[in-house]
Protein backbone atom coordinates (compact mmCIF):
# COMPACT_ATOMS: atom_id res chain seq x y z
CA MET A 1 78.21 89.06 88.08
CA LYS A 2 76.56 86.57 90.39
CA LEU A 3 76.22 86.91 94.11
CA SER A 4 78.53 83.93 94.66
CA ASP A 5 81.24 85.64 92.59
CA LEU A 6 80.86 88.82 94.64
CA VAL A 7 81.06 86.89 97.92
CA GLY A 8 84.11 85.02 96.63
CA LYS A 9 85.85 88.29 95.74
CA ILE A 10 85.01 89.81 99.14
CA ALA A 11 86.37 86.67 100.84
CA GLN A 12 89.53 86.90 98.76
CA TYR A 13 90.11 90.55 99.72
CA PHE A 14 89.35 89.78 103.35
CA ASN A 15 91.91 86.97 103.28
CA MET A 16 94.53 89.24 101.73
CA ALA A 17 93.81 91.91 104.37
CA LEU A 18 94.26 89.32 107.16
CA TYR A 19 97.63 88.24 105.77
CA LEU A 20 98.69 91.87 105.39
CA MET A 21 97.71 92.73 108.97
CA MET A 22 99.50 89.67 110.33
CA GLY A 23 102.59 90.57 108.33
CA LEU A 24 102.53 94.09 109.65
CA ALA A 25 102.04 92.80 113.19
CA VAL A 26 105.07 90.54 112.85
CA VAL A 27 107.20 93.41 111.53
CA MET A 28 106.05 95.65 114.38
CA PHE A 29 106.71 92.90 116.92
CA VAL A 30 110.27 92.36 115.64
CA TRP A 31 110.87 96.11 115.55
CA TYR A 32 109.93 96.50 119.21
CA VAL A 33 111.97 93.43 120.27
CA ILE A 34 115.01 95.00 118.58
CA LYS A 35 114.15 98.37 120.09
CA TYR A 36 113.96 96.76 123.54
CA PHE A 37 117.48 95.40 123.33
CA ILE A 38 118.98 98.55 121.77
CA GLN A 39 117.38 101.22 124.07
CA PRO A 40 119.71 102.39 126.83
CA GLU A 41 117.00 104.20 128.84
CA LYS A 42 114.83 102.21 131.19
CA VAL A 43 111.69 104.24 130.31
CA ASN A 44 111.86 103.37 126.63
CA LYS A 45 112.58 99.73 127.46
CA ALA A 46 109.38 99.61 129.51
CA GLU A 47 107.38 101.00 126.57
CA ALA A 48 108.96 98.52 124.14
CA ALA A 49 108.31 95.68 126.61
CA GLN A 50 104.61 96.65 126.76
CA TYR A 51 104.36 96.51 122.97
CA VAL A 52 106.10 93.11 122.89
CA LEU A 53 103.79 91.76 125.63
CA TRP A 54 100.63 92.92 123.87
CA GLY A 55 102.01 91.66 120.56
CA VAL A 56 102.37 88.16 122.02
CA VAL A 57 98.83 88.36 123.47
CA GLY A 58 97.49 89.51 120.11
CA PHE A 59 99.24 86.72 118.23
CA PHE A 60 97.87 84.18 120.69
CA ILE A 61 94.30 85.47 120.26
CA ILE A 62 94.50 85.57 116.44
CA LEU A 63 96.02 82.10 116.15
CA SER A 64 93.52 80.71 118.67
CA LEU A 65 90.62 82.10 116.67
CA TRP A 66 92.01 80.68 113.46
CA GLY A 67 92.42 77.33 115.17
CA LEU A 68 88.87 77.43 116.50
CA VAL A 69 87.52 78.24 113.03
CA ASN A 70 89.44 75.34 111.54
CA ILE A 71 88.19 73.00 114.28
CA LEU A 72 84.59 74.05 113.46
CA ILE A 73 85.21 73.68 109.71
CA ASN A 74 86.63 70.19 110.17
CA THR A 75 84.08 69.11 112.80
CA PHE A 76 81.04 70.06 110.75
CA ASP A 77 82.70 69.29 107.39
CA LEU A 78 82.14 72.83 106.14
CA GLY A 79 85.23 72.90 103.95
CA THR A 80 84.05 70.28 101.48
CA GLY A 81 80.30 70.27 102.16
CA SER A 82 79.52 73.65 100.58
CA PRO A 83 77.94 73.86 97.13
CA SER A 84 80.34 74.09 94.22
CA THR A 85 79.05 77.56 93.33
CA TRP A 86 80.28 78.98 96.64
CA THR A 87 83.93 77.86 96.36
CA GLY A 88 85.15 81.33 97.38
CA LEU A 89 83.94 80.74 100.88
CA ASN A 90 86.27 77.76 101.37
CA ASN A 91 89.25 80.14 101.35
CA LEU A 92 87.73 82.66 103.77
CA PHE A 93 89.93 81.60 106.65
CA PRO A 94 93.49 80.27 106.42
CA LYS A 95 94.08 76.63 107.27
């Protein structure tokens, strides 16, 4: 196994982990939005509202970083300028 294959595999697993974490974050966000509207007590509503607020902040940060990475990739032509043996690195970050 070559180093480029290993890096490609690591990038692939990292990409899958990012998608899994984003999926879990969306499920958690939706759960707390539903919980906010169902909860009769004001204390539990405040807790659910905090989770929703921080979920929105987290989504904004993650999407901003992905956008910044794509801007850098497109600005410096990193997506197509890499050697053909390192194709696994092109899929490191979602576009």
